[in-house]
């Protein structure tokens, strides 16, 4: 909640476009108020600065809650696969990251 409040408070600075801050990563570098949390907003497109608010709880779910769900390993695997696919669909819809990631599977189109 405090991270969401902090992002909302600095929203205007993050969204500011001028010669020095053409890209979000540049705004985080030159603005002293954004510098302390640039590692949180830097990977994302300027308009997707909020994406980490979705991504952090998703990661916490996979690490802490998923192991407690289901009675067997198979149930946990199915639940994890379903939530992974949902997360993949959300990520592919919003395309929040600035850098395009190429993997080994990219070459097998």
Protein backbone atom coordinates (compact mmCIF):
# COMPACT_ATOMS: atom_id res chain seq x y z
CA UNK A 1 0.00 0.00 0.00
CA UNK A 2 2.82 2.40 0.83
CA UNK A 3 4.44 1.69 -2.55
CA UNK A 4 1.16 2.51 -4.32
CA UNK A 5 0.91 5.78 -2.38
CA UNK A 6 4.52 6.62 -3.22
CA UNK A 7 3.95 5.97 -6.93
CA UNK A 8 0.78 8.07 -6.89
CA UNK A 9 2.61 10.90 -5.15
CA UNK A 10 5.40 10.91 -7.78
CA UNK A 11 3.15 10.17 -10.76
CA UNK A 12 3.61 13.63 -12.30
CA UNK A 13 7.40 13.35 -12.09
CA UNK A 14 7.34 9.88 -13.63
CA UNK A 15 5.04 10.93 -16.46
CA UNK A 16 6.90 14.21 -17.13
CA UNK A 17 8.26 14.38 -20.66
CA UNK A 18 10.92 16.91 -21.53
CA UNK A 19 14.27 16.95 -23.28
CA UNK A 20 16.10 15.41 -20.32
CA UNK A 21 13.55 12.70 -19.56
CA UNK A 22 12.55 11.41 -22.97
CA UNK A 23 12.52 7.87 -21.59
CA UNK A 24 11.43 6.79 -18.12
CA UNK A 25 14.87 5.45 -17.29
CA UNK A 26 16.32 8.91 -17.98
CA UNK A 27 13.75 10.60 -15.74
CA UNK A 28 14.69 8.27 -12.91
CA UNK A 29 18.38 9.00 -13.45
CA UNK A 30 18.33 12.78 -13.41
CA UNK A 31 15.51 13.43 -10.95
CA UNK A 32 16.82 13.20 -7.36
CA UNK A 33 13.37 12.36 -5.98
CA UNK A 34 12.94 9.39 -8.35
CA UNK A 35 16.49 8.09 -7.95
CA UNK A 36 15.89 6.08 -4.71
CA UNK A 37 13.28 3.88 -6.37
CA UNK A 38 14.44 3.92 -9.99
CA UNK A 39 15.09 0.17 -9.85
CA UNK A 40 11.33 -0.32 -9.40
CA UNK A 41 10.16 1.82 -12.31
CA UNK A 42 13.07 1.66 -14.73
CA UNK A 43 12.27 -1.63 -16.53
CA UNK A 44 8.79 -0.47 -17.53
CA UNK A 45 7.40 1.86 -20.16
CA UNK A 46 6.56 5.29 -18.79
CA UNK A 47 2.79 4.72 -18.84
CA UNK A 48 3.19 1.29 -17.23
CA UNK A 49 5.00 2.55 -14.11
CA UNK A 50 2.28 0.89 -12.00
CA UNK A 51 2.90 -2.62 -13.36
CA UNK A 52 5.09 -3.60 -10.41
CA UNK A 53 2.04 -3.19 -8.15
CA UNK A 54 0.57 -6.16 -10.01
CA UNK A 55 3.81 -8.09 -10.39
CA UNK A 56 4.93 -8.06 -6.73
CA UNK A 57 1.78 -9.72 -5.32
CA UNK A 58 1.89 -12.23 -8.17
CA UNK A 59 5.43 -13.22 -7.20
CA UNK A 60 4.55 -13.37 -3.52
CA UNK A 61 1.64 -15.66 -4.40
CA UNK A 62 3.92 -18.10 -6.24
CA UNK A 63 6.52 -18.14 -3.49
CA UNK A 64 4.43 -18.12 -0.33
CA UNK A 65 0.80 -19.07 -1.00
CA UNK A 66 1.01 -21.60 -3.81
CA UNK A 67 3.02 -24.14 -1.77
CA UNK A 68 0.21 -24.13 0.82
CA UNK A 69 -2.56 -24.75 -1.72
CA UNK A 70 -3.81 -28.14 -2.81
CA UNK A 71 -3.42 -31.51 -1.15
CA UNK A 72 -0.89 -32.96 -3.54
CA UNK A 73 2.01 -31.88 -5.71
CA UNK A 74 -0.09 -32.44 -8.82
CA UNK A 75 -2.81 -30.08 -7.59
CA UNK A 76 -0.23 -27.42 -6.77
CA UNK A 77 1.34 -27.86 -10.21
CA UNK A 78 -2.03 -27.45 -11.95
CA UNK A 79 -2.92 -24.39 -9.87
CA UNK A 80 0.52 -22.90 -10.56
CA UNK A 81 0.23 -23.58 -14.28
CA UNK A 82 -3.19 -21.92 -14.45
CA UNK A 83 -2.03 -18.82 -12.60
CA UNK A 84 1.15 -18.70 -14.70
CA UNK A 85 -0.88 -18.71 -17.90
CA UNK A 86 -3.12 -15.95 -16.57
CA UNK A 87 -0.06 -13.91 -15.66
CA UNK A 88 1.45 -14.54 -19.09
CA UNK A 89 -1.74 -13.37 -20.80
CA UNK A 90 -1.82 -10.19 -18.70
CA UNK A 91 1.83 -9.48 -19.41
CA UNK A 92 1.49 -10.11 -23.14
CA UNK A 93 -1.58 -7.88 -23.29
CA UNK A 94 -0.02 -4.88 -21.51
CA UNK A 95 3.58 -5.32 -22.77
CA UNK A 96 4.95 -3.33 -19.82
CA UNK A 97 8.69 -3.81 -20.30
CA UNK A 98 10.89 -1.43 -22.27
CA UNK A 99 13.32 -4.09 -23.42
CA UNK A 100 12.15 -6.89 -25.66
CA UNK A 101 13.39 -10.20 -24.28
CA UNK A 102 14.57 -12.81 -26.75
CA UNK A 103 14.87 -16.37 -25.56
CA UNK A 104 16.06 -19.63 -27.00
CA UNK A 105 12.51 -20.40 -28.16
CA UNK A 106 12.38 -17.17 -30.19
CA UNK A 107 14.34 -18.88 -32.94
CA UNK A 108 11.69 -21.60 -33.36
CA UNK A 109 8.85 -19.48 -34.71
